[in-house]
All heavy atoms as atom14 arrays in JSON, in Angstrom:
{
  "sequence": "GLFEAVIRHWLVELPAPSLPNPAGGALRAQLNA",
  "atom14_mask": [
    [1, 1, 1, 1, 0, 0, 0, 0, 0, 0, 0, 0, 0, 0],
    [1, 1, 1, 1, 1, 1, 1, 1, 0, 0, 0, 0, 0, 0],
    [1, 1, 1, 1, 1, 1, 1, 1, 1, 1, 1, 0, 0, 0],
    [1, 1, 1, 1, 1, 1, 1, 1, 1, 0, 0, 0, 0, 0],
    [1, 1, 1, 1, 1, 0, 0, 0, 0, 0, 0, 0, 0, 0],
    [1, 1, 1, 1, 1, 1, 1, 0, 0, 0, 0, 0, 0, 0],
    [1, 1, 1, 1, 1, 1, 1, 1, 0, 0, 0, 0, 0, 0],
    [1, 1, 1, 1, 1, 1, 1, 1, 1, 1, 1, 0, 0, 0],
    [1, 1, 1, 1, 1, 1, 1, 1, 1, 1, 0, 0, 0, 0],
    [1, 1, 1, 1, 1, 1, 1, 1, 1, 1, 1, 1, 1, 1],
    [1, 1, 1, 1, 1, 1, 1, 1, 0, 0, 0, 0, 0, 0],
    [1, 1, 1, 1, 1, 1, 1, 0, 0, 0, 0, 0, 0, 0],
    [1, 1, 1, 1, 1, 1, 1, 1, 1, 0, 0, 0, 0, 0],
    [1, 1, 1, 1, 1, 1, 1, 1, 0, 0, 0, 0, 0, 0],
    [1, 1, 1, 1, 1, 1, 1, 0, 0, 0, 0, 0, 0, 0],
    [1, 1, 1, 1, 1, 0, 0, 0, 0, 0, 0, 0, 0, 0],
    [1, 1, 1, 1, 1, 1, 1, 0, 0, 0, 0, 0, 0, 0],
    [1, 1, 1, 1, 1, 1, 0, 0, 0, 0, 0, 0, 0, 0],
    [1, 1, 1, 1, 1, 1, 1, 1, 0, 0, 0, 0, 0, 0],
    [1, 1, 1, 1, 1, 1, 1, 0, 0, 0, 0, 0, 0, 0],
    [1, 1, 1, 1, 1, 1, 1, 1, 0, 0, 0, 0, 0, 0],
    [1, 1, 1, 1, 1, 1, 1, 0, 0, 0, 0, 0, 0, 0],
    [1, 1, 1, 1, 1, 0, 0, 0, 0, 0, 0, 0, 0, 0],
    [1, 1, 1, 1, 0, 0, 0, 0, 0, 0, 0, 0, 0, 0],
    [1, 1, 1, 1, 0, 0, 0, 0, 0, 0, 0, 0, 0, 0],
    [1, 1, 1, 1, 1, 0, 0, 0, 0, 0, 0, 0, 0, 0],
    [1, 1, 1, 1, 1, 1, 1, 1, 0, 0, 0, 0, 0, 0],
    [1, 1, 1, 1, 1, 1, 1, 1, 1, 1, 1, 0, 0, 0],
    [1, 1, 1, 1, 1, 0, 0, 0, 0, 0, 0, 0, 0, 0],
    [1, 1, 1, 1, 1, 1, 1, 1, 1, 0, 0, 0, 0, 0],
    [1, 1, 1, 1, 1, 1, 1, 1, 0, 0, 0, 0, 0, 0],
    [1, 1, 1, 1, 1, 1, 1, 1, 0, 0, 0, 0, 0, 0],
    [1, 1, 1, 1, 1, 0, 0, 0, 0, 0, 0, 0, 0, 0]
  ],
  "atom14_positions": [
    [[0.8, -1.25, -0.01], [-0.03, -0.01, 0.03], [0.86, 1.26, -0.02], [0.54, 2.25, -0.69], [0.0, 0.0, 0.0], [0.0, 0.0, 0.0], [0.0, 0.0, 0.0], [0.0, 0.0, 0.0], [0.0, 0.0, 0.0], [0.0, 0.0, 0.0], [0.0, 0.0, 0.0], [0.0, 0.0, 0.0], [0.0, 0.0, 0.0], [0.0, 0.0, 0.0]],
    [[2.0, 1.25, 0.73], [2.87, 2.32, 0.78], [3.49, 2.56, -0.56], [3.65, 3.67, -1.08], [3.88, 2.22, 1.88], [4.95, 3.29, 2.05], [4.39, 4.71, 2.15], [5.93, 2.97, 3.21], [0.0, 0.0, 0.0], [0.0, 0.0, 0.0], [0.0, 0.0, 0.0], [0.0, 0.0, 0.0], [0.0, 0.0, 0.0], [0.0, 0.0, 0.0]],
    [[3.98, 1.47, -1.24], [4.62, 1.53, -2.51], [3.71, 2.09, -3.47], [4.03, 2.92, -4.31], [5.01, 0.17, -2.91], [5.82, 0.04, -4.2], [7.03, 0.7, -4.34], [5.37, -0.62, -5.25], [7.77, 0.66, -5.47], [6.11, -0.78, -6.44], [7.31, -0.08, -6.54], [0.0, 0.0, 0.0], [0.0, 0.0, 0.0], [0.0, 0.0, 0.0]],
    [[2.43, 1.67, -3.57], [1.39, 2.25, -4.47], [1.3, 3.73, -4.24], [1.1, 4.49, -5.24], [0.13, 1.52, -4.31], [0.17, 0.12, -4.82], [-1.29, -0.55, -4.76], [-2.21, 0.18, -4.7], [-1.37, -1.84, -4.78], [0.0, 0.0, 0.0], [0.0, 0.0, 0.0], [0.0, 0.0, 0.0], [0.0, 0.0, 0.0], [0.0, 0.0, 0.0]],
    [[1.21, 4.16, -2.93], [1.1, 5.52, -2.7], [2.23, 6.37, -3.22], [2.1, 7.47, -3.7], [0.94, 5.82, -1.09], [0.0, 0.0, 0.0], [0.0, 0.0, 0.0], [0.0, 0.0, 0.0], [0.0, 0.0, 0.0], [0.0, 0.0, 0.0], [0.0, 0.0, 0.0], [0.0, 0.0, 0.0], [0.0, 0.0, 0.0], [0.0, 0.0, 0.0]],
    [[3.45, 5.83, -3.1], [4.71, 6.45, -3.63], [4.62, 6.6, -5.11], [4.86, 7.71, -5.67], [5.94, 5.7, -3.15], [7.13, 6.27, -3.9], [6.09, 5.79, -1.67], [0.0, 0.0, 0.0], [0.0, 0.0, 0.0], [0.0, 0.0, 0.0], [0.0, 0.0, 0.0], [0.0, 0.0, 0.0], [0.0, 0.0, 0.0], [0.0, 0.0, 0.0]],
    [[4.24, 5.54, -5.81], [4.14, 5.59, -7.22], [3.17, 6.59, -7.69], [3.31, 7.35, -8.61], [3.85, 4.14, -7.85], [5.0, 3.2, -7.57], [3.61, 4.33, -9.34], [6.23, 3.52, -8.29], [0.0, 0.0, 0.0], [0.0, 0.0, 0.0], [0.0, 0.0, 0.0], [0.0, 0.0, 0.0], [0.0, 0.0, 0.0], [0.0, 0.0, 0.0]],
    [[1.92, 6.5, -7.03], [0.86, 7.37, -7.36], [1.26, 8.88, -7.14], [0.91, 9.75, -7.99], [-0.37, 7.02, -6.55], [-1.62, 7.81, -6.83], [-2.86, 7.12, -6.24], [-2.73, 7.01, -4.77], [-2.58, 5.81, -4.18], [-2.56, 4.72, -4.82], [-2.48, 5.76, -2.87], [0.0, 0.0, 0.0], [0.0, 0.0, 0.0], [0.0, 0.0, 0.0]],
    [[2.01, 9.16, -6.08], [2.45, 10.48, -5.81], [3.25, 11.02, -6.92], [3.07, 12.2, -7.33], [3.22, 10.43, -4.5], [4.06, 11.77, -4.19], [3.4, 12.93, -3.85], [5.34, 12.03, -4.34], [4.3, 13.85, -3.64], [5.48, 13.38, -3.96], [0.0, 0.0, 0.0], [0.0, 0.0, 0.0], [0.0, 0.0, 0.0], [0.0, 0.0, 0.0]],
    [[4.26, 10.25, -7.36], [5.12, 10.71, -8.43], [4.48, 10.85, -9.77], [4.91, 11.69, -10.59], [6.43, 9.88, -8.4], [7.39, 10.13, -7.37], [7.75, 9.2, -6.39], [8.05, 11.32, -6.88], [8.59, 9.72, -5.47], [8.75, 11.09, -5.8], [8.01, 12.65, -7.52], [9.49, 12.11, -5.18], [8.73, 13.65, -6.89], [9.45, 13.37, -5.72]],
    [[3.53, 9.96, -10.08], [2.87, 10.0, -11.32], [2.08, 11.32, -11.44], [2.02, 11.97, -12.5], [1.86, 8.81, -11.4], [2.55, 7.49, -11.89], [1.56, 6.38, -11.67], [3.17, 7.55, -13.18], [0.0, 0.0, 0.0], [0.0, 0.0, 0.0], [0.0, 0.0, 0.0], [0.0, 0.0, 0.0], [0.0, 0.0, 0.0], [0.0, 0.0, 0.0]],
    [[1.48, 11.75, -10.31], [0.75, 13.03, -10.21], [1.71, 14.22, -10.49], [1.31, 15.2, -11.12], [0.05, 13.16, -8.93], [-0.52, 14.59, -8.83], [-1.13, 12.14, -8.86], [0.0, 0.0, 0.0], [0.0, 0.0, 0.0], [0.0, 0.0, 0.0], [0.0, 0.0, 0.0], [0.0, 0.0, 0.0], [0.0, 0.0, 0.0], [0.0, 0.0, 0.0]],
    [[2.98, 14.05, -9.98], [3.88, 15.14, -10.07], [4.53, 15.27, -11.43], [5.19, 16.27, -11.72], [4.99, 14.91, -9.07], [4.57, 15.03, -7.61], [4.15, 16.45, -7.24], [4.92, 17.38, -7.64], [3.12, 16.65, -6.68], [0.0, 0.0, 0.0], [0.0, 0.0, 0.0], [0.0, 0.0, 0.0], [0.0, 0.0, 0.0], [0.0, 0.0, 0.0]],
    [[4.38, 14.29, -12.39], [4.94, 14.42, -13.66], [4.44, 15.57, -14.45], [3.2, 15.77, -14.45], [4.67, 13.09, -14.49], [5.62, 11.87, -14.32], [5.03, 10.74, -15.17], [6.99, 12.23, -14.74], [0.0, 0.0, 0.0], [0.0, 0.0, 0.0], [0.0, 0.0, 0.0], [0.0, 0.0, 0.0], [0.0, 0.0, 0.0], [0.0, 0.0, 0.0]],
    [[5.27, 16.36, -15.05], [4.77, 17.6, -15.74], [4.13, 17.18, -17.01], [4.53, 16.27, -17.69], [6.01, 18.36, -16.02], [7.2, 17.29, -16.09], [6.76, 16.27, -15.1], [0.0, 0.0, 0.0], [0.0, 0.0, 0.0], [0.0, 0.0, 0.0], [0.0, 0.0, 0.0], [0.0, 0.0, 0.0], [0.0, 0.0, 0.0], [0.0, 0.0, 0.0]],
    [[2.99, 17.86, -17.28], [2.33, 17.66, -18.56], [3.11, 18.36, -19.74], [3.76, 19.44, -19.49], [0.98, 18.34, -18.53], [0.0, 0.0, 0.0], [0.0, 0.0, 0.0], [0.0, 0.0, 0.0], [0.0, 0.0, 0.0], [0.0, 0.0, 0.0], [0.0, 0.0, 0.0], [0.0, 0.0, 0.0], [0.0, 0.0, 0.0], [0.0, 0.0, 0.0]],
    [[3.2, 17.77, -20.86], [4.04, 18.32, -21.95], [3.42, 19.71, -22.43], [2.23, 19.77, -22.5], [4.02, 17.23, -23.1], [2.79, 16.48, -22.79], [2.64, 16.5, -21.27], [0.0, 0.0, 0.0], [0.0, 0.0, 0.0], [0.0, 0.0, 0.0], [0.0, 0.0, 0.0], [0.0, 0.0, 0.0], [0.0, 0.0, 0.0], [0.0, 0.0, 0.0]],
    [[4.29, 20.58, -22.84], [3.8, 21.84, -23.35], [4.19, 21.77, -24.9], [5.32, 22.16, -25.23], [4.54, 23.04, -22.72], [4.13, 24.21, -23.28], [0.0, 0.0, 0.0], [0.0, 0.0, 0.0], [0.0, 0.0, 0.0], [0.0, 0.0, 0.0], [0.0, 0.0, 0.0], [0.0, 0.0, 0.0], [0.0, 0.0, 0.0], [0.0, 0.0, 0.0]],
    [[3.26, 21.39, -25.69], [3.51, 21.24, -27.1], [2.71, 22.24, -27.92], [1.56, 22.46, -27.61], [3.18, 19.77, -27.57], [4.01, 18.69, -26.92], [3.46, 17.37, -27.13], [5.47, 18.7, -27.47], [0.0, 0.0, 0.0], [0.0, 0.0, 0.0], [0.0, 0.0, 0.0], [0.0, 0.0, 0.0], [0.0, 0.0, 0.0], [0.0, 0.0, 0.0]],
    [[3.27, 22.82, -28.95], [2.53, 23.81, -29.77], [1.41, 23.17, -30.49], [1.41, 22.01, -30.94], [3.6, 24.28, -30.74], [4.61, 23.26, -30.87], [4.68, 22.65, -29.42], [0.0, 0.0, 0.0], [0.0, 0.0, 0.0], [0.0, 0.0, 0.0], [0.0, 0.0, 0.0], [0.0, 0.0, 0.0], [0.0, 0.0, 0.0], [0.0, 0.0, 0.0]],
    [[0.34, 23.87, -30.57], [-0.89, 23.31, -31.27], [-1.54, 24.38, -32.16], [-1.9, 25.43, -31.61], [-1.83, 22.75, -30.26], [-3.04, 22.04, -30.76], [-2.93, 21.41, -31.83], [-4.2, 22.08, -30.08], [0.0, 0.0, 0.0], [0.0, 0.0, 0.0], [0.0, 0.0, 0.0], [0.0, 0.0, 0.0], [0.0, 0.0, 0.0], [0.0, 0.0, 0.0]],
    [[-1.79, 24.05, -33.38], [-1.42, 22.87, -34.12], [0.05, 22.83, -34.48], [0.78, 23.88, -34.45], [-2.26, 22.98, -35.36], [-2.42, 24.38, -35.6], [-2.44, 25.07, -34.27], [0.0, 0.0, 0.0], [0.0, 0.0, 0.0], [0.0, 0.0, 0.0], [0.0, 0.0, 0.0], [0.0, 0.0, 0.0], [0.0, 0.0, 0.0], [0.0, 0.0, 0.0]],
    [[0.59, 21.68, -34.89], [1.96, 21.58, -35.34], [2.17, 22.38, -36.61], [1.32, 22.41, -37.48], [2.27, 20.12, -35.53], [0.0, 0.0, 0.0], [0.0, 0.0, 0.0], [0.0, 0.0, 0.0], [0.0, 0.0, 0.0], [0.0, 0.0, 0.0], [0.0, 0.0, 0.0], [0.0, 0.0, 0.0], [0.0, 0.0, 0.0], [0.0, 0.0, 0.0]],
    [[3.23, 23.12, -36.71], [3.56, 23.84, -37.87], [5.01, 24.2, -37.87], [5.66, 24.3, -36.88], [0.0, 0.0, 0.0], [0.0, 0.0, 0.0], [0.0, 0.0, 0.0], [0.0, 0.0, 0.0], [0.0, 0.0, 0.0], [0.0, 0.0, 0.0], [0.0, 0.0, 0.0], [0.0, 0.0, 0.0], [0.0, 0.0, 0.0], [0.0, 0.0, 0.0]],
    [[5.53, 24.58, -38.99], [6.91, 25.05, -39.21], [7.84, 23.98, -39.82], [7.3, 22.93, -40.26], [0.0, 0.0, 0.0], [0.0, 0.0, 0.0], [0.0, 0.0, 0.0], [0.0, 0.0, 0.0], [0.0, 0.0, 0.0], [0.0, 0.0, 0.0], [0.0, 0.0, 0.0], [0.0, 0.0, 0.0], [0.0, 0.0, 0.0], [0.0, 0.0, 0.0]],
    [[9.07, 24.28, -39.79], [10.06, 23.34, -40.42], [10.08, 22.06, -39.6], [9.9, 22.12, -38.37], [11.46, 23.94, -40.52], [0.0, 0.0, 0.0], [0.0, 0.0, 0.0], [0.0, 0.0, 0.0], [0.0, 0.0, 0.0], [0.0, 0.0, 0.0], [0.0, 0.0, 0.0], [0.0, 0.0, 0.0], [0.0, 0.0, 0.0], [0.0, 0.0, 0.0]],
    [[10.41, 20.96, -40.27], [10.4, 19.65, -39.57], [11.41, 19.64, -38.48], [11.13, 19.09, -37.34], [10.71, 18.5, -40.62], [10.72, 17.19, -40.03], [9.4, 16.74, -39.36], [11.13, 16.12, -41.09], [0.0, 0.0, 0.0], [0.0, 0.0, 0.0], [0.0, 0.0, 0.0], [0.0, 0.0, 0.0], [0.0, 0.0, 0.0], [0.0, 0.0, 0.0]],
    [[12.6, 20.16, -38.61], [13.63, 20.13, -37.67], [13.18, 20.9, -36.4], [13.39, 20.48, -35.22], [14.96, 20.67, -38.12], [16.02, 20.62, -37.12], [17.39, 21.25, -37.6], [17.88, 20.57, -38.71], [18.59, 19.4, -38.66], [18.83, 18.85, -37.45], [19.08, 18.8, -39.77], [0.0, 0.0, 0.0], [0.0, 0.0, 0.0], [0.0, 0.0, 0.0]],
    [[12.51, 22.07, -36.6], [12.16, 22.86, -35.51], [10.99, 22.13, -34.73], [10.93, 22.22, -33.41], [11.61, 24.24, -35.98], [0.0, 0.0, 0.0], [0.0, 0.0, 0.0], [0.0, 0.0, 0.0], [0.0, 0.0, 0.0], [0.0, 0.0, 0.0], [0.0, 0.0, 0.0], [0.0, 0.0, 0.0], [0.0, 0.0, 0.0], [0.0, 0.0, 0.0]],
    [[10.11, 21.53, -35.41], [8.99, 20.86, -34.74], [9.5, 19.6, -33.99], [9.19, 19.36, -32.85], [7.97, 20.33, -35.83], [7.25, 21.46, -36.52], [6.36, 20.88, -37.58], [5.16, 20.47, -37.24], [6.68, 20.88, -38.76], [0.0, 0.0, 0.0], [0.0, 0.0, 0.0], [0.0, 0.0, 0.0], [0.0, 0.0, 0.0], [0.0, 0.0, 0.0]],
    [[10.47, 18.89, -34.53], [10.95, 17.67, -33.83], [11.78, 18.1, -32.64], [11.77, 17.57, -31.55], [11.93, 16.84, -34.81], [11.24, 16.19, -35.94], [12.27, 15.51, -36.84], [10.27, 15.22, -35.47], [0.0, 0.0, 0.0], [0.0, 0.0, 0.0], [0.0, 0.0, 0.0], [0.0, 0.0, 0.0], [0.0, 0.0, 0.0], [0.0, 0.0, 0.0]],
    [[12.52, 19.27, -32.72], [13.28, 19.81, -31.54], [12.3, 20.23, -30.48], [12.64, 20.12, -29.36], [14.19, 20.91, -31.97], [15.47, 20.42, -32.59], [16.02, 19.46, -32.11], [16.08, 21.22, -33.49], [0.0, 0.0, 0.0], [0.0, 0.0, 0.0], [0.0, 0.0, 0.0], [0.0, 0.0, 0.0], [0.0, 0.0, 0.0], [0.0, 0.0, 0.0]],
    [[11.17, 20.74, -30.84], [10.23, 21.21, -29.82], [9.68, 20.0, -29.01], [9.61, 20.06, -27.82], [9.01, 21.89, -30.49], [0.0, 0.0, 0.0], [0.0, 0.0, 0.0], [0.0, 0.0, 0.0], [0.0, 0.0, 0.0], [0.0, 0.0, 0.0], [0.0, 0.0, 0.0], [0.0, 0.0, 0.0], [0.0, 0.0, 0.0], [0.0, 0.0, 0.0]]
  ]
}
């Protein structure tokens, strides 16, 4: 139960990705983003 709480805690802390929407621009720039 403690292990599950630890995993759950860190999963919640994971940052959501900040991705441009919609995708656009040169392929290299988009892949680098």
